[in-house]
């Protein structure tokens, strides 16, 4: 995701792979504090006098007094019962304060939802704070351990093994596994479930899409965007324009380099997953094949993209490249930099004859295991995932920018399936896979470490190192990162 400051800065400048399993965090089940209802018993009525009136009269009077006393006792007990039922629960509710560390979304976006929840739950007070993403993960861990962290926080879908010390499990009494599985996409279930528990509630889903300049394609006589990689191979030469010296003027697609290609690691991860490879098997032929596909667009004799071109997003906004592969939120930068550019967004190209796959990259809301109010925190997050709340959130976001976050709920898919920017995300949502190669998570850990080894491997091939040898070297470094975060291979 991006914020408005990043957009302004940009403006100024112009899969299925083998599953990687995470070790289950050592968690204690959240404890629910319950205040028992206390019912006070009335005191025993005082005894009556020993005066002896006539026998018949005494019997009738005693019976009368017993009836009256019994009625009084019954009335008192009844009052206490009614009070316990209707008032003890309210009296026992103490004020609960929740701190929510957010990313990307401004306070004015989240506050209306918070206000609604607080009106319905007057004992709950929620303080939303938007934090900078730089060093966010490290700050979250350090502050949490010192009891200075938030109750609720946002994290990336690939951060689960990095946050084992902080993440609390979702209690079944707040949302059962069955409800979770029916509500969200399979990618959410795969990414956020360890053992018998889920460790986050997603408000969105996102991943790679292919964006093309419709005007450039039509100018080249191309009426439809690519569906498969064979289509890409056919279209790219028709879009590419070079001068007499062979220098690129217009590129068909931005792919094959690292220095000037946004999301190069994501694109390599996509090709790796589509080719049947995985990060723990980079020394296998499937991985070498993925790297070859990635590099062939920038290597002789084709050279449809090279390091002489501007940054790929900048080049696209300047209409110097026909197609790019990016997460949907990058469209916000593109349309902000060039509102008049005529673009179309479609699913990423697939391998002919192979089930479609795209690479996921999205953010999730979680609860800290150091929080003293875990149940209330999870209840608030569940409220955010409800249909009415989620659609309201999208409407607020849509007023702030071109579009909001794509819905994480499966039953809300029809609302965005025809959206010109997000329709491709929703169409691919059932096919997303995850790999910790996502750009701009700023985790300074799992993703960033792996990306550096992939970058070195790609760059070494331009110096004559074979695809397989380059990836064997990368595998050694990535294996060390996996061991650091207890990721089984």
Protein backbone atom coordinates (compact mmCIF):
# COMPACT_ATOMS: atom_id res chain seq x y z
CA UNK A 1 0.00 0.00 0.00
CA UNK A 2 1.01 3.61 -0.38
CA UNK A 3 0.17 6.88 1.26
CA UNK A 4 -0.35 10.34 -0.19
CA UNK A 5 3.20 11.42 0.65
CA UNK A 6 4.60 8.60 -1.47
CA UNK A 7 2.34 9.56 -4.37
CA UNK A 8 3.54 13.13 -4.21
CA UNK A 9 7.16 11.97 -4.12
CA UNK A 10 6.58 9.79 -7.19
CA UNK A 11 4.94 12.66 -9.04
CA UNK A 12 7.93 14.76 -8.41
CA UNK A 13 10.22 12.22 -10.01
CA UNK A 14 8.57 12.36 -13.51
CA UNK A 15 3.70 -20.25 -7.38
CA UNK A 16 1.76 -23.57 -6.84
CA UNK A 17 5.10 -24.01 -5.30
CA UNK A 18 5.91 -26.52 -2.61
CA UNK A 19 4.44 -25.12 0.57
CA UNK A 20 6.88 -23.50 2.99
CA UNK A 21 5.68 -24.37 6.48
CA UNK A 22 6.11 -22.08 9.45
CA UNK A 23 6.80 -23.43 12.92
CA UNK A 24 3.80 -22.95 15.19
CA UNK A 25 4.33 -20.12 17.71
CA UNK A 26 4.20 -21.01 21.38
CA UNK A 27 0.87 -19.54 22.36
CA UNK A 28 -1.41 -19.64 25.34
CA UNK A 29 -5.10 -19.50 24.58
CA UNK A 30 -6.60 -16.08 25.34
CA UNK A 31 -8.22 -15.91 28.74
CA UNK A 32 -11.70 -14.50 29.11
CA UNK A 33 -12.20 -12.56 32.28
CA UNK A 34 -15.64 -13.19 33.70
CA UNK A 35 -17.19 -11.47 36.68
CA UNK A 36 -19.57 -13.92 38.44
CA UNK A 37 -23.04 -12.67 39.31
CA UNK A 38 -23.45 -12.37 43.08
CA UNK A 39 -26.90 -12.74 44.63
CA UNK A 40 -27.31 -11.63 48.28
CA UNK A 41 -29.66 -13.72 50.43
CA UNK A 42 -32.12 -11.84 52.68
CA UNK A 43 -31.74 -12.18 56.40
CA UNK A 44 -34.02 -14.59 58.31
CA UNK A 45 -37.19 -12.81 59.57
CA UNK A 46 -37.24 -12.04 63.30
CA UNK A 47 -39.31 -14.39 65.55
CA UNK A 48 -42.66 -13.32 66.87
CA UNK A 49 -43.87 -12.90 70.48
CA UNK A 50 -44.81 -15.89 72.68
CA UNK A 51 -48.23 -14.42 73.68
CA UNK A 52 -50.97 -17.10 73.67
CA UNK A 53 -54.25 -15.91 72.17
CA UNK A 54 -57.20 -18.35 71.71
CA UNK A 55 -56.22 -21.52 69.87
CA UNK A 56 -58.21 -21.02 66.70
CA UNK A 57 -57.27 -17.37 66.37
CA UNK A 58 -53.57 -18.11 66.94
CA UNK A 59 -53.53 -20.72 64.16
CA UNK A 60 -55.17 -18.39 61.65
CA UNK A 61 -52.82 -15.52 62.54
CA UNK A 62 -49.71 -17.67 62.26
CA UNK A 63 -50.77 -18.87 58.86
CA UNK A 64 -51.40 -15.32 57.76
CA UNK A 65 -48.04 -14.10 59.01
CA UNK A 66 -46.25 -16.99 57.34
CA UNK A 67 -47.89 -16.18 54.03
CA UNK A 68 -46.96 -12.50 54.35
CA UNK A 69 -43.37 -13.31 55.39
CA UNK A 70 -43.03 -15.79 52.55
CA UNK A 71 -44.32 -13.22 50.11
CA UNK A 72 -41.81 -10.66 51.35
CA UNK A 73 -38.93 -13.12 51.08
CA UNK A 74 -40.03 -14.15 47.60
CA UNK A 75 -40.29 -10.49 46.55
CA UNK A 76 -36.81 -9.66 47.85
CA UNK A 77 -35.25 -12.67 46.16
CA UNK A 78 -37.13 -11.83 42.94
CA UNK A 79 -35.76 -8.26 43.00
CA UNK A 80 -32.21 -9.53 43.42
CA UNK A 81 -32.65 -11.99 40.56
CA UNK A 82 -34.02 -9.32 38.24
CA UNK A 83 -31.21 -6.99 39.21
CA UNK A 84 -28.65 -9.71 38.55
CA UNK A 85 -30.09 -10.47 35.14
CA UNK A 86 -30.55 -6.94 33.85
CA UNK A 87 -28.05 -4.81 35.70
CA UNK A 88 -25.10 -6.82 36.99
CA UNK A 89 -23.61 -7.26 33.48
CA UNK A 90 -23.75 -3.54 32.83
CA UNK A 91 -22.27 -2.64 36.15
CA UNK A 92 -19.37 -5.05 35.67
CA UNK A 93 -18.27 -3.53 32.36
CA UNK A 94 -15.17 -1.48 32.95
CA UNK A 95 -13.60 0.90 30.45
CA UNK A 96 -11.23 -0.80 28.03
CA UNK A 97 -8.64 1.17 26.10
CA UNK A 98 -7.21 -0.31 22.88
CA UNK A 99 -4.23 1.07 21.00
CA UNK A 100 -4.25 0.36 17.25
CA UNK A 101 -1.06 0.79 15.21
CA UNK A 102 -2.01 1.19 11.56
CA UNK A 103 -0.11 1.47 8.31
CA UNK A 104 -1.05 3.35 5.14
CA UNK A 105 -4.52 4.47 6.22
CA UNK A 106 -4.92 7.94 7.68
CA UNK A 107 -6.80 8.45 10.95
CA UNK A 108 -9.71 10.15 9.16
CA UNK A 109 -10.29 6.95 7.18
CA UNK A 110 -10.51 4.67 10.21
CA UNK A 111 -12.08 7.04 12.73
CA UNK A 112 -15.69 6.85 11.44
CA UNK A 113 -15.64 3.07 11.89
CA UNK A 114 -14.10 3.42 15.33
CA UNK A 115 -16.74 5.99 16.32
CA UNK A 116 -19.53 3.64 15.22
CA UNK A 117 -18.09 0.80 17.27
CA UNK A 118 -17.59 2.98 20.34
CA UNK A 119 -21.20 4.16 20.18
CA UNK A 120 -22.35 0.55 20.28
CA UNK A 121 -19.76 -0.31 22.95
CA UNK A 122 -19.40 2.78 25.17
CA UNK A 123 -16.93 1.08 27.51
CA UNK A 124 -14.43 0.59 24.63
CA UNK A 125 -12.03 3.40 23.69
CA UNK A 126 -9.81 2.91 20.62
CA UNK A 127 -6.80 5.05 19.79
CA UNK A 128 -5.79 4.63 16.14
CA UNK A 129 -2.28 5.74 15.22
CA UNK A 130 -0.82 5.66 11.72
CA UNK A 131 2.87 4.82 11.98
CA UNK A 132 5.63 5.07 9.35
CA UNK A 133 6.43 1.73 7.76
CA UNK A 134 10.20 2.08 8.11
CA UNK A 135 11.39 -0.12 10.99
CA UNK A 136 7.74 -0.79 11.92
CA UNK A 137 8.28 -4.52 12.47
CA UNK A 138 11.31 -4.04 14.71
CA UNK A 139 9.56 -1.31 16.70
CA UNK A 140 6.48 -3.49 17.14
CA UNK A 141 8.49 -6.37 18.58
CA UNK A 142 10.67 -4.23 20.85
CA UNK A 143 7.83 -2.11 22.24
CA UNK A 144 5.60 -5.14 22.76
CA UNK A 145 8.22 -6.94 24.82
CA UNK A 146 8.53 -3.83 27.01
CA UNK A 147 4.75 -3.64 27.50
CA UNK A 148 4.65 -0.44 25.45
CA UNK A 149 3.27 -1.91 22.25
CA UNK A 150 -0.21 -1.77 20.74
CA UNK A 151 -3.15 -4.06 21.33
CA UNK A 152 -3.93 -4.17 17.60
CA UNK A 153 -1.56 -3.73 14.67
CA UNK A 154 -1.26 -4.19 10.91
CA UNK A 155 1.27 -6.59 9.42
CA UNK A 156 2.14 -8.08 6.03
CA UNK A 157 0.86 -11.51 5.07
CA UNK A 158 4.44 -12.85 4.88
CA UNK A 159 5.44 -11.61 8.34
CA UNK A 160 3.92 -14.45 10.39
CA UNK A 161 7.23 -16.26 11.03
CA UNK A 162 8.85 -12.92 11.92
CA UNK A 163 6.19 -12.04 14.51
CA UNK A 164 5.88 -15.33 16.38
CA UNK A 165 6.75 -13.60 19.64
CA UNK A 166 3.95 -11.05 19.25
CA UNK A 167 0.98 -12.58 17.41
CA UNK A 168 -1.96 -13.81 19.46
CA UNK A 169 -4.29 -16.54 18.12
CA UNK A 170 -7.85 -15.74 17.12
CA UNK A 171 -10.11 -17.21 19.83
CA UNK A 172 -12.77 -19.60 18.46
CA UNK A 173 -15.40 -17.88 20.62
CA UNK A 174 -14.85 -14.70 18.57
CA UNK A 175 -14.75 -16.44 15.18
CA UNK A 176 -14.73 -20.17 14.59
CA UNK A 177 -12.46 -21.80 12.04
CA UNK A 178 -15.53 -22.79 10.05
CA UNK A 179 -16.75 -19.19 9.85
CA UNK A 180 -13.25 -17.99 8.96
CA UNK A 181 -12.93 -20.48 6.11
CA UNK A 182 -16.33 -19.50 4.70
CA UNK A 183 -15.65 -15.78 4.97
CA UNK A 184 -12.16 -15.31 3.51
CA UNK A 185 -10.16 -16.56 0.52
CA UNK A 186 -7.99 -19.65 0.60
CA UNK A 187 -4.84 -17.51 0.46
CA UNK A 188 -5.83 -15.97 3.81
CA UNK A 189 -6.33 -19.41 5.30
CA UNK A 190 -2.99 -20.65 3.96
CA UNK A 191 -1.03 -17.61 5.10
CA UNK A 192 -2.56 -16.98 8.51
CA UNK A 193 -3.30 -20.41 9.97
CA UNK A 194 -0.73 -22.33 11.97
CA UNK A 195 -1.81 -25.53 13.63
CA UNK A 196 -5.40 -25.10 14.79
CA UNK A 197 -5.43 -21.30 15.02
CA UNK A 198 -5.60 -18.27 12.76
CA UNK A 199 -3.34 -15.34 13.61
CA UNK A 200 -4.91 -12.41 11.81
CA UNK A 201 -8.07 -10.99 10.27
CA UNK A 202 -7.64 -9.55 6.76
CA UNK A 203 -9.44 -6.44 5.58
CA UNK A 204 -8.11 -6.79 2.05
CA UNK A 205 -6.64 -9.04 -0.61
CA UNK A 206 -4.16 -7.98 -3.27
CA UNK A 207 -1.39 -9.20 -5.53
CA UNK A 208 0.21 -8.86 -8.94
CA UNK A 209 -1.76 -7.81 -12.01
CA UNK A 210 -0.73 -6.92 -15.55
CA UNK A 211 -1.32 -3.30 -16.56
CA UNK A 212 -1.09 -2.23 -20.17
CA UNK A 213 -1.31 1.03 -22.09
CA UNK A 214 -4.37 0.52 -24.24
CA UNK A 215 -3.45 3.35 -26.60
CA UNK A 216 -0.03 1.86 -27.36
CA UNK A 217 -1.51 -1.58 -27.98
CA UNK A 218 -4.15 -0.24 -30.33
CA UNK A 219 -1.54 1.81 -32.16
CA UNK A 220 0.35 -1.43 -32.76
CA UNK A 221 -2.83 -3.11 -34.02
CA UNK A 222 -3.41 -5.12 -30.86
CA UNK A 223 -7.00 -5.12 -29.63
CA UNK A 224 -6.74 -7.33 -26.53
CA UNK A 225 -4.24 -7.67 -23.73
CA UNK A 226 -2.27 -10.88 -23.19
CA UNK A 227 -3.73 -13.90 -21.42
CA UNK A 228 -0.75 -16.28 -21.52
CA UNK A 229 3.02 -15.85 -21.64
CA UNK A 230 2.83 -16.97 -25.27
CA UNK A 231 0.65 -13.94 -25.90
CA UNK A 232 3.23 -11.73 -24.19
CA UNK A 233 6.00 -13.15 -26.38
CA UNK A 234 3.89 -12.37 -29.45
CA UNK A 235 2.83 -8.85 -28.41
CA UNK A 236 6.10 -7.44 -27.03
CA UNK A 237 8.02 -7.23 -30.35
CA UNK A 238 5.09 -5.36 -31.91
CA UNK A 239 5.16 -2.77 -29.13
CA UNK A 240 8.94 -2.30 -28.99
CA UNK A 241 10.44 0.64 -30.88
CA UNK A 242 14.19 1.24 -31.28
CA UNK A 243 16.22 3.93 -33.03
CA UNK A 244 18.75 3.25 -35.79
CA UNK A 245 21.46 2.55 -33.24
CA UNK A 246 19.29 -0.05 -31.51
CA UNK A 247 18.50 2.09 -28.48
CA UNK A 248 15.09 1.58 -26.91
CA UNK A 249 12.54 4.31 -27.48
CA UNK A 250 9.47 2.34 -26.44
CA UNK A 251 9.65 -0.99 -24.63
CA UNK A 252 7.07 -3.73 -24.99
CA UNK A 253 7.25 -4.86 -21.35
CA UNK A 254 9.31 -4.02 -18.28
CA UNK A 255 10.92 -7.24 -17.12
CA UNK A 256 14.38 -8.81 -16.87
CA UNK A 257 16.45 -6.34 -14.79
CA UNK A 258 16.68 -5.26 -11.16
CA UNK A 259 17.96 -1.69 -10.86
CA UNK A 260 15.17 0.02 -12.80
CA UNK A 261 12.41 -2.58 -12.45
CA UNK A 262 9.89 -2.11 -9.66
CA UNK A 263 8.79 -5.39 -8.06
CA UNK A 264 11.46 -7.46 -9.83
CA UNK A 265 11.53 -9.98 -6.97
CA UNK A 266 7.74 -10.30 -7.01
CA UNK A 267 7.81 -10.99 -10.76
CA UNK A 268 10.54 -13.60 -10.35
CA UNK A 269 8.52 -15.18 -7.52
CA UNK A 270 5.48 -15.27 -9.80
CA UNK A 271 7.42 -17.06 -12.54
CA UNK A 272 8.95 -19.42 -9.98
CA UNK A 273 5.51 -20.41 -8.67
CA UNK A 274 4.01 -20.73 -12.16
CA UNK A 275 6.91 -22.93 -13.23
CA UNK A 276 6.44 -25.32 -10.30
CA UNK A 277 9.46 -24.15 -8.33
CA UNK A 278 9.95 -22.98 -4.75
CA UNK A 279 12.44 -20.93 -2.75
CA UNK A 280 13.76 -23.97 -0.90
CA UNK A 281 14.51 -25.72 -4.22
CA UNK A 282 16.32 -23.01 -6.16
CA UNK A 283 18.86 -25.62 -7.23
CA UNK A 284 16.18 -27.44 -9.25
CA UNK A 285 15.48 -27.00 -12.95
CA UNK A 286 12.10 -25.36 -12.35
CA UNK A 287 13.82 -22.43 -10.67
CA UNK A 288 16.44 -22.09 -13.41
CA UNK A 289 13.66 -22.13 -15.99
CA UNK A 290 11.85 -19.31 -14.19
CA UNK A 291 15.00 -17.18 -14.13
CA UNK A 292 15.56 -17.84 -17.84
CA UNK A 293 12.05 -16.62 -18.68
CA UNK A 294 12.60 -13.53 -16.55
CA UNK A 295 15.94 -12.66 -18.14
CA UNK A 296 15.18 -13.40 -21.80
CA UNK A 297 13.25 -10.14 -22.26
CA UNK A 298 16.36 -8.11 -21.36
CA UNK A 299 19.06 -10.27 -22.95
CA UNK A 300 20.40 -10.20 -26.52
CA UNK A 301 19.21 -10.54 -29.15
CA UNK A 302 15.79 -9.36 -27.93
CA UNK A 303 16.59 -6.63 -25.39
CA UNK A 304 12.98 -5.48 -25.09
CA UNK A 305 13.91 -3.86 -21.76
CA UNK A 306 17.28 -2.74 -20.42
CA UNK A 307 18.98 -0.64 -17.78
CA UNK A 308 18.95 2.44 -20.05
CA UNK A 309 15.22 2.84 -19.52
CA UNK A 310 13.81 4.91 -16.64
CA UNK A 311 12.31 3.35 -13.55
CA UNK A 312 9.58 1.04 -14.82
CA UNK A 313 6.68 2.87 -13.14
CA UNK A 314 8.01 6.21 -14.35
CA UNK A 315 8.52 4.81 -17.85
CA UNK A 316 4.94 3.56 -17.88
CA UNK A 317 3.49 6.90 -16.79
CA UNK A 318 5.58 8.54 -19.53
CA UNK A 319 4.19 5.96 -22.01
CA UNK A 320 7.65 4.58 -22.78
CA UNK A 321 6.70 1.00 -21.95
CA UNK A 322 3.57 -0.85 -22.99
CA UNK A 323 3.08 -3.35 -20.12
CA UNK A 324 4.13 -3.72 -16.49
CA UNK A 325 3.39 -6.25 -13.74
CA UNK A 326 2.61 -4.62 -10.38
CA UNK A 327 0.32 -4.88 -7.34
CA UNK A 328 -2.96 -3.02 -7.83
CA UNK A 329 -2.05 -0.17 -5.48
CA UNK A 330 0.75 0.92 -7.83
CA UNK A 331 -2.05 2.13 -10.12
CA UNK A 332 -2.67 4.94 -7.66
CA UNK A 333 0.81 6.30 -8.37
CA UNK A 334 0.43 5.88 -12.11
CA UNK A 335 -2.92 7.63 -12.38
CA UNK A 336 -1.80 10.38 -10.02
CA UNK A 337 1.29 11.04 -12.16
CA UNK A 338 -0.60 10.83 -15.45
CA UNK A 339 -4.39 11.11 -15.04
CA UNK A 340 -4.93 10.99 -18.81
CA UNK A 341 -3.14 7.71 -19.47
CA UNK A 342 -5.53 5.08 -20.85
CA UNK A 343 -4.77 1.84 -19.04
CA UNK A 344 -6.36 -1.55 -18.68
CA UNK A 345 -5.80 -4.02 -15.86
CA UNK A 346 -5.94 -7.78 -16.39
CA UNK A 347 -4.76 -10.91 -14.56
CA UNK A 348 -1.08 -11.76 -14.90
CA UNK A 349 -0.19 -14.01 -17.86
CA UNK A 350 -0.53 -17.72 -17.19
CA UNK A 351 1.45 -20.69 -18.45
CA UNK A 352 -0.54 -22.46 -21.19
CA UNK A 353 -2.11 -25.66 -19.91
CA UNK A 354 -1.32 -24.89 -16.26
CA UNK A 355 -3.82 -23.62 -13.64
CA UNK A 356 -3.61 -19.87 -13.22
CA UNK A 357 -1.53 -18.44 -10.38
CA UNK A 358 -0.62 -14.98 -9.20
CA UNK A 359 1.52 -13.77 -6.32
CA UNK A 360 -0.25 -12.30 -3.29
CA UNK A 361 0.86 -9.26 -1.30
CA UNK A 362 -1.57 -7.81 1.24
CA UNK A 363 -1.85 -6.51 4.81
CA UNK A 364 -3.58 -8.05 7.82
CA UNK A 365 -4.80 -6.89 11.24
CA UNK A 366 -3.55 -8.78 14.28
CA UNK A 367 -3.68 -8.71 18.07
CA UNK A 368 -0.68 -8.69 20.39
CA UNK A 369 -0.19 -11.60 22.76
CA UNK A 370 1.08 -8.97 25.24
CA UNK A 371 -2.29 -7.18 25.23
CA UNK A 372 -4.35 -7.40 28.43
CA UNK A 373 -7.53 -6.99 26.39
CA UNK A 374 -7.16 -9.58 23.65
CA UNK A 375 -10.81 -10.61 23.51
CA UNK A 376 -12.05 -7.04 23.15
CA UNK A 377 -9.37 -6.37 20.52
CA UNK A 378 -10.45 -9.39 18.48
CA UNK A 379 -14.11 -8.40 18.79
CA UNK A 380 -13.32 -5.00 17.28
CA UNK A 381 -11.38 -6.58 14.42
CA UNK A 382 -14.23 -8.96 13.73
CA UNK A 383 -16.51 -5.92 13.54
CA UNK A 384 -14.18 -4.44 10.90
CA UNK A 385 -14.55 -7.59 8.78
CA UNK A 386 -18.35 -7.53 8.78
CA UNK A 387 -20.00 -6.83 5.41
CA UNK A 388 -21.54 -3.50 6.34
CA UNK A 389 -18.35 -2.24 7.98
CA UNK A 390 -16.11 -3.35 5.15
CA UNK A 391 -18.24 -1.72 2.46
CA UNK A 392 -18.33 1.47 4.51
CA UNK A 393 -14.54 1.40 4.79
CA UNK A 394 -14.22 1.03 1.02
CA UNK A 395 -16.57 3.97 0.46
CA UNK A 396 -14.47 6.16 2.76
CA UNK A 397 -11.25 5.09 1.04
CA UNK A 398 -12.80 5.68 -2.37
CA UNK A 399 -13.50 9.28 -1.42
CA UNK A 400 -9.84 9.75 -0.51
CA UNK A 401 -8.33 8.14 -3.61
CA UNK A 402 -9.09 6.41 -6.91
CA UNK A 403 -10.20 3.15 -5.25
CA UNK A 404 -10.16 1.42 -1.89
CA UNK A 405 -8.68 -1.86 -0.73
CA UNK A 406 -10.05 -4.95 -2.53
CA UNK A 407 -12.46 -6.81 -0.27
CA UNK A 408 -11.15 -9.79 1.68
CA UNK A 409 -14.63 -11.27 2.02
CA UNK A 410 -15.56 -13.78 -0.67
CA UNK A 411 -19.22 -12.75 -0.54
CA UNK A 412 -18.31 -9.15 -1.47
CA UNK A 413 -16.49 -10.16 -4.67
CA UNK A 414 -19.45 -9.30 -6.95
CA UNK A 415 -19.24 -5.66 -5.87
CA UNK A 416 -15.77 -5.27 -7.42
CA UNK A 417 -15.66 -7.97 -10.09
CA UNK A 418 -16.38 -5.43 -12.85
CA UNK A 419 -14.26 -2.64 -11.39
CA UNK A 420 -11.82 -1.37 -14.03
CA UNK A 421 -8.91 -1.33 -11.60
CA UNK A 422 -9.71 -4.08 -9.09
CA UNK A 423 -11.68 -6.57 -11.17
CA UNK A 424 -8.47 -8.43 -12.07
CA UNK A 425 -7.52 -8.73 -8.38
CA UNK A 426 -10.89 -10.22 -7.49
CA UNK A 427 -10.77 -12.58 -10.45
CA UNK A 428 -7.35 -13.87 -9.33
CA UNK A 429 -8.11 -13.94 -5.59
CA UNK A 430 -8.90 -17.69 -5.53
CA UNK A 431 -5.60 -18.36 -7.35
CA UNK A 432 -3.17 -16.34 -5.22
CA UNK A 433 -0.09 -17.97 -3.71
CA UNK A 434 2.41 -16.44 -1.29
CA UNK A 435 6.19 -16.29 -1.23
CA UNK A 436 8.31 -14.00 0.99
CA UNK A 437 9.74 -12.08 -1.98
CA UNK A 438 7.42 -9.06 -1.77
CA UNK A 439 8.83 -5.61 -2.42
CA UNK A 440 8.09 -2.67 -0.14
CA UNK A 441 7.16 -4.56 2.99
CA UNK A 442 10.13 -2.79 4.62
CA UNK A 443 10.54 -5.67 7.04
CA UNK A 444 14.34 -5.51 7.16
CA UNK A 445 14.16 -9.25 7.62
CA UNK A 446 12.60 -12.15 5.76
CA UNK A 447 11.48 -10.46 2.53
CA UNK A 448 14.27 -7.91 2.26
CA UNK A 449 16.92 -10.53 2.99
CA UNK A 450 15.64 -12.95 0.37
CA UNK A 451 15.18 -10.17 -2.19
CA UNK A 452 18.85 -9.26 -1.88
CA UNK A 453 19.96 -12.80 -2.75
CA UNK A 454 17.56 -12.89 -5.72
CA UNK A 455 18.87 -9.54 -6.92
CA UNK A 456 22.46 -10.80 -6.78
CA UNK A 457 21.49 -13.94 -8.70
CA UNK A 458 19.76 -11.98 -11.47
CA UNK A 459 22.62 -9.52 -11.80
CA UNK A 460 25.25 -12.25 -11.92
CA UNK A 461 23.61 -13.78 -15.01
CA UNK A 462 24.28 -10.56 -16.90
CA UNK A 463 27.96 -11.18 -16.21
CA UNK A 464 27.95 -14.66 -17.70
CA UNK A 465 26.99 -16.82 -14.71
CA UNK A 466 24.54 -19.56 -15.68
CA UNK A 467 20.98 -19.48 -14.36
CA UNK A 468 21.44 -22.64 -12.33
CA UNK A 469 24.74 -21.57 -10.76
CA UNK A 470 23.38 -18.15 -9.89
CA UNK A 471 20.42 -19.69 -8.06
CA UNK A 472 22.54 -22.28 -6.25
CA UNK A 473 24.45 -19.43 -4.65
CA UNK A 474 21.20 -17.66 -3.78
CA UNK A 475 19.82 -20.85 -2.21
CA UNK A 476 22.68 -21.00 0.29
CA UNK A 477 21.92 -17.52 1.59
CA UNK A 478 18.15 -18.01 1.60
CA UNK A 479 18.54 -21.25 3.57
CA UNK A 480 20.27 -19.27 6.31
CA UNK A 481 17.38 -16.81 6.42
CA UNK A 482 14.89 -19.68 6.65
CA UNK A 483 16.83 -21.10 9.59
CA UNK A 484 16.87 -17.72 11.32
CA UNK A 485 13.07 -17.59 11.29
CA UNK A 486 12.56 -21.33 11.94
CA UNK A 487 10.98 -21.94 8.54
CA UNK A 488 11.07 -25.62 7.69
CA UNK A 489 12.20 -26.49 4.18
